[in-house]
Structures are given as C-alpha cells and as structure tokens.
Amino acid sequence: MIGFSFGHDASHNTAFKNKKINSVLHFFSFLTVGIDPLLWGLRHIRSHHLYANVEGSDVDIDKNPFLRLSPTHPWKPKHKYQAYYAPFVYMFTLLHSVFMSDWVYLFSNEYDWMKRGVPKVELYVRFILYKIFYFSLVLLFPILYCGFSWSFIVLSYFTASAFTSMVFIIMLVGTHFFDGADYPQPEGEFLEHTWAVHQLHTSCDWNADKSWARFLSGGSNCHASSPSFS
C-alpha cells in the first residue's frame, strides 16, 4: 500500500515539489518490495506510461511462456485455460521482478533506450547497494537475529511475496487488461493517437466513485480520468 500511495507518486515526482525528497521517498517506499526503485521508475515512466499496451515498447506486456497478455501475441491451446491458472502465475510476479527482471533490465543492451541519460556507474552502484540492503532487511537480519528457524523465515518471505504480487495485480492489471482496451500497433515510428488519447484507449477506471478504492490504491484506480482529489 505504501508503494501505491507514496512510491508511485514519488516516481512521477508528484509526491513533493522537491525532486530529491521524491527520490528518497521512492527509495524507501520500494525497500521492502525488492524491485530496484530507479529501474522501476525508468520502465514505468519511459516504457509503460508512454506506450501503454504497445507490444515491443510497453515492457508490462512483454511475451512470456505462460500468459497471453496481448492479442498480438501468438495463441496456444493452453491459453484457453489461462483465466484459471493466471492467479497462480501472478503469485510469482514479485519474485520474478526481484530475481530476474531487474537483472535483465540492468544488464541487457536491449533496454538501453529505457536507461538513456542515466550513467551506468550510477545504475550499477545503486542497484548493488539496494539489493544488499533489501536482502539484508528481509532475509539476512531475520535469520541472524530472530528466534525463528531459517526455513520458517524463508517460507514467510515467499508467502509474503506471493500475497504482495496478488495485491499488485488486482490493483493495477485491471486498469489495462479489460475487454474494451485497445492494443495499438505503430505505423512506422508513430502511433495513431496523441499521448492523451492513447491513454484513454488503453486505460480504464474501476470504482472511481468509491472512497475506499481511492484510499487503498492511492488513486491508481482512476487511471483514465483525473478527478479533482488527485
């Protein structure tokens, strides 16, 4: 919930007017999540927010071996059942980001366009320090100083990761994966619509009139509209 309410706004530099304060809030908001804050901010703003639902540009719908996230992806017979097994796949979202996606985004040249303008030394140093800090906080220190067995702590870590993954998916995925969503394909180097119109074609609101939904999601449920309270 801290990630939704504070980390997301900080990544857009809208939580505070001061960018340095936003950077600090962004870092600590993601500390117990395990996803590198800088890399997440880059992929969220430069990839997802600019090119929502555009295959090859929105990393949130990259091809994967389990789920078909876009009508432009190849259809396989197993996808007929993905509505039933998708929740179990989504439970591994956070673990996949912590142990795989972050490393791919950092070290693969395929995503250099996403990291353009950020010195590599800064990316690497921040990444290493963050991962050391994170794994020390959630695994090393509990194993060393708590009275529980290491197996219980590791099991708790995986359980918490699965729960966090499901909350994230329930909160955010529905804002782009719905029956009325468009999955535009570029014509050459350009999309059919301007950025603002593109967002309306690829996003939706859910329970925008419910105060509890706005509170729990940090306003992320109002994805297509911009109500006065945000």
Protein backbone atom coordinates (compact mmCIF):
# COMPACT_ATOMS: atom_id res chain seq x y z
CA MET A 1 0.00 0.00 0.00
CA ILE A 2 2.96 2.30 0.67
CA GLY A 3 4.14 1.57 -2.86
CA PHE A 4 0.76 2.57 -4.32
CA SER A 5 0.21 5.62 -2.17
CA PHE A 6 3.74 7.05 -1.96
CA GLY A 7 6.22 5.19 -4.18
CA HIS A 8 4.17 5.58 -7.37
CA ASP A 9 3.65 9.32 -6.89
CA ALA A 10 7.31 9.78 -5.95
CA SER A 11 8.40 8.01 -9.15
CA HIS A 12 6.47 10.68 -11.07
CA ASN A 13 7.96 13.44 -8.88
CA THR A 14 4.46 14.44 -7.76
CA ALA A 15 4.52 13.48 -4.07
CA PHE A 16 6.60 16.59 -3.25
CA LYS A 17 7.76 19.59 -5.23
CA ASN A 18 11.38 18.77 -4.39
CA LYS A 19 12.79 16.04 -6.68
CA LYS A 20 15.42 14.97 -4.13
CA ILE A 21 12.74 14.36 -1.50
CA ASN A 22 10.74 12.39 -4.07
CA SER A 23 13.84 10.29 -4.78
CA VAL A 24 14.29 9.48 -1.08
CA LEU A 25 10.61 8.61 -0.66
CA HIS A 26 10.75 6.50 -3.82
CA PHE A 27 13.71 4.53 -2.47
CA PHE A 28 12.24 3.77 0.94
CA SER A 29 8.78 3.01 -0.47
CA PHE A 30 10.24 0.18 -2.54
CA LEU A 31 12.68 -1.02 0.11
CA THR A 32 10.58 -3.93 1.38
CA VAL A 33 9.34 -4.77 -2.12
CA GLY A 34 12.73 -5.66 -3.56
CA ILE A 35 12.33 -4.09 -7.01
CA ASP A 36 15.09 -1.61 -7.82
CA PRO A 37 13.39 1.81 -7.48
CA LEU A 38 15.41 3.53 -10.20
CA LEU A 39 14.89 0.77 -12.77
CA TRP A 40 11.21 0.51 -11.89
CA GLY A 41 10.77 4.26 -12.32
CA LEU A 42 12.50 4.20 -15.70
CA ARG A 43 10.48 1.31 -17.07
CA HIS A 44 7.23 2.62 -15.59
CA ILE A 45 7.54 6.14 -16.97
CA ARG A 46 9.57 5.68 -20.17
CA SER A 47 8.00 2.40 -21.23
CA HIS A 48 4.59 1.76 -19.72
CA HIS A 49 3.25 5.29 -19.39
CA LEU A 50 4.44 6.40 -22.82
CA TYR A 51 3.43 3.25 -24.71
CA ALA A 52 0.69 1.51 -22.72
CA ASN A 53 -0.38 -1.78 -24.37
CA VAL A 54 2.03 -1.34 -27.29
CA GLU A 55 3.88 -4.60 -27.87
CA GLY A 56 7.63 -4.15 -28.01
CA SER A 57 7.52 -0.82 -26.18
CA ASP A 58 5.42 -1.48 -23.05
CA VAL A 59 7.51 -3.95 -21.02
CA ASP A 60 4.46 -4.77 -18.89
CA ILE A 61 3.06 -6.85 -21.76
CA ASP A 62 6.29 -8.50 -22.90
CA LYS A 63 5.85 -12.06 -24.16
CA ASN A 64 6.21 -14.79 -21.56
CA PRO A 65 5.91 -18.60 -21.58
CA PHE A 66 2.70 -18.72 -19.53
CA LEU A 67 0.24 -15.91 -20.23
CA ARG A 68 -1.02 -14.22 -23.38
CA LEU A 69 -1.14 -10.55 -22.41
CA SER A 70 -1.92 -9.07 -25.82
CA PRO A 71 -3.99 -10.12 -28.85
CA THR A 72 -0.82 -9.59 -30.87
CA HIS A 73 0.87 -12.48 -29.04
CA PRO A 74 0.69 -15.98 -30.59
CA TRP A 75 -2.27 -18.01 -29.35
CA LYS A 76 -1.69 -21.51 -27.98
CA PRO A 77 -4.24 -24.08 -26.76
CA LYS A 78 -3.16 -23.63 -23.12
CA HIS A 79 -4.30 -20.01 -23.23
CA LYS A 80 -7.87 -21.27 -23.26
CA TYR A 81 -7.36 -22.05 -19.57
CA GLN A 82 -5.25 -19.08 -18.53
CA ALA A 83 -8.16 -17.44 -16.72
CA TYR A 84 -7.94 -20.35 -14.26
CA TYR A 85 -4.19 -20.69 -13.83
CA ALA A 86 -3.24 -17.00 -14.19
CA PRO A 87 -3.67 -16.24 -10.44
CA PHE A 88 -1.07 -18.87 -9.60
CA VAL A 89 1.32 -17.41 -12.18
CA TYR A 90 0.74 -13.90 -10.86
CA MET A 91 1.81 -15.03 -7.39
CA PHE A 92 5.37 -15.16 -8.72
CA THR A 93 5.31 -11.64 -10.17
CA LEU A 94 7.33 -10.05 -7.40
CA LEU A 95 9.87 -12.88 -7.16
CA HIS A 96 10.31 -12.74 -10.93
CA SER A 97 10.99 -8.99 -10.74
CA VAL A 98 13.42 -9.30 -7.83
CA PHE A 99 15.45 -12.25 -9.11
CA MET A 100 15.12 -11.93 -12.89
CA SER A 101 13.53 -8.84 -14.46
CA ASP A 102 15.64 -6.31 -12.57
CA TRP A 103 18.83 -8.04 -13.69
CA VAL A 104 17.67 -8.28 -17.30
CA TYR A 105 16.67 -4.60 -17.44
CA LEU A 106 20.03 -3.58 -15.95
CA PHE A 107 22.45 -5.71 -17.92
CA SER A 108 20.70 -6.32 -21.26
CA ASN A 109 21.58 -3.95 -24.10
CA GLU A 110 18.05 -4.49 -25.43
CA TYR A 111 16.78 -1.98 -22.86
CA ASP A 112 19.40 0.72 -23.36
CA TRP A 113 16.68 3.02 -24.74
CA MET A 114 14.96 2.85 -21.37
CA LYS A 115 18.12 3.73 -19.43
CA ARG A 116 19.33 6.50 -21.74
CA GLY A 117 20.69 9.54 -19.89
CA VAL A 118 21.42 7.70 -16.63
CA PRO A 119 25.14 6.97 -16.07
CA LYS A 120 25.87 3.24 -15.99
CA VAL A 121 28.02 3.61 -12.88
CA GLU A 122 25.08 5.15 -11.04
CA LEU A 123 22.74 2.39 -12.22
CA TYR A 124 25.11 -0.38 -11.14
CA VAL A 125 26.12 1.12 -7.78
CA ARG A 126 22.55 1.93 -6.78
CA PHE A 127 21.38 -1.50 -7.91
CA ILE A 128 24.02 -3.41 -5.91
CA LEU A 129 23.58 -1.33 -2.76
CA TYR A 130 19.81 -1.61 -2.96
CA LYS A 131 19.84 -5.40 -3.37
CA ILE A 132 22.30 -5.80 -0.47
CA PHE A 133 20.13 -3.55 1.71
CA TYR A 134 16.95 -5.36 0.69
CA PHE A 135 18.12 -8.95 1.18
CA SER A 136 19.75 -7.99 4.50
CA LEU A 137 16.48 -6.48 5.70
CA VAL A 138 14.09 -9.25 4.66
CA LEU A 139 16.26 -12.38 4.97
CA LEU A 140 19.74 -11.99 6.50
CA PHE A 141 18.86 -9.99 9.63
CA PRO A 142 15.76 -12.07 10.45
CA ILE A 143 17.74 -15.31 10.09
CA LEU A 144 20.57 -14.00 12.26
CA TYR A 145 18.62 -12.23 14.98
CA CYS A 146 15.09 -13.69 15.11
CA GLY A 147 14.16 -16.73 17.14
CA PHE A 148 12.53 -18.48 14.20
CA SER A 149 14.16 -21.16 12.07
CA TRP A 150 15.69 -20.13 8.74
CA SER A 151 13.20 -22.35 6.91
CA PHE A 152 10.24 -20.57 8.54
CA ILE A 153 11.70 -17.16 7.63
CA VAL A 154 12.30 -18.19 4.01
CA LEU A 155 8.79 -19.66 3.77
CA SER A 156 7.36 -16.45 5.23
CA TYR A 157 9.32 -14.45 2.67
CA PHE A 158 7.90 -16.45 -0.25
CA THR A 159 4.38 -16.28 1.20
CA ALA A 160 4.57 -12.52 1.67
CA SER A 161 5.93 -12.14 -1.88
CA ALA A 162 3.00 -14.14 -3.28
CA PHE A 163 0.48 -12.06 -1.34
CA THR A 164 2.11 -8.78 -2.38
CA SER A 165 2.13 -9.92 -6.01
CA MET A 166 -1.59 -10.69 -5.94
CA VAL A 167 -2.45 -7.33 -4.38
CA PHE A 168 -0.40 -5.54 -7.04
CA ILE A 169 -2.02 -7.47 -9.89
CA ILE A 170 -5.56 -7.00 -8.57
CA MET A 171 -4.97 -3.27 -8.10
CA LEU A 172 -3.25 -2.39 -11.36
CA VAL A 173 -3.53 -5.01 -14.09
CA GLY A 174 -7.26 -4.48 -14.50
CA THR A 175 -6.65 -0.87 -15.48
CA HIS A 176 -5.20 -2.02 -18.81
CA PHE A 177 -6.30 -5.64 -19.35
CA PHE A 178 -10.04 -5.48 -20.00
CA ASP A 179 -12.40 -6.24 -22.86
CA GLY A 180 -12.58 -2.66 -24.09
CA ALA A 181 -8.85 -1.99 -24.11
CA ASP A 182 -7.01 -1.22 -27.34
CA TYR A 183 -3.60 -2.67 -28.19
CA PRO A 184 -2.40 -0.17 -30.80
CA GLN A 185 0.38 -1.01 -33.21
CA PRO A 186 2.63 1.77 -34.52
CA GLU A 187 2.50 2.84 -38.14
CA GLY A 188 6.20 3.17 -38.83
CA GLU A 189 7.57 5.16 -35.90
CA PHE A 190 4.27 6.74 -34.89
CA LEU A 191 1.13 5.71 -33.03
CA GLU A 192 -2.32 6.53 -34.35
CA HIS A 193 -3.28 8.80 -31.44
CA THR A 194 -1.67 11.52 -29.38
CA TRP A 195 -0.40 10.52 -25.93
CA ALA A 196 -3.50 11.67 -24.02
CA VAL A 197 -5.95 10.00 -26.41
CA HIS A 198 -3.81 6.86 -26.37
CA GLN A 199 -4.19 6.66 -22.58
CA LEU A 200 -7.97 6.79 -22.88
CA HIS A 201 -7.96 3.99 -25.46
CA THR A 202 -5.77 1.73 -23.31
CA SER A 203 -6.87 2.50 -19.73
CA CYS A 204 -9.98 2.37 -17.59
CA ASP A 205 -11.16 3.37 -14.13
CA TRP A 206 -12.52 0.96 -11.57
CA ASN A 207 -14.74 2.05 -8.68
CA ALA A 208 -13.67 5.64 -9.27
CA ASP A 209 -16.58 6.89 -7.17
CA LYS A 210 -15.64 4.77 -4.13
CA SER A 211 -13.54 6.46 -1.46
CA TRP A 212 -12.23 3.10 -0.15
CA ALA A 213 -10.89 2.23 -3.62
CA ARG A 214 -9.16 5.58 -3.96
CA PHE A 215 -7.67 5.21 -0.48
CA LEU A 216 -6.37 1.65 -0.92
CA SER A 217 -4.97 2.23 -4.40
CA GLY A 218 -3.53 5.68 -3.81
CA GLY A 219 -5.72 6.99 -6.65
CA SER A 220 -4.43 4.40 -9.14
CA ASN A 221 -7.99 3.20 -9.70
CA CYS A 222 -8.64 6.49 -11.53
CA HIS A 223 -6.37 5.66 -14.43
CA ALA A 224 -8.27 7.14 -17.34
CA SER A 225 -9.67 10.20 -15.57
CA SER A 226 -8.10 12.90 -13.43
CA PRO A 227 -10.55 13.75 -10.64
CA SER A 228 -10.02 16.84 -8.56
CA PHE A 229 -8.97 14.89 -5.45
CA SER A 230 -5.85 13.54 -7.19
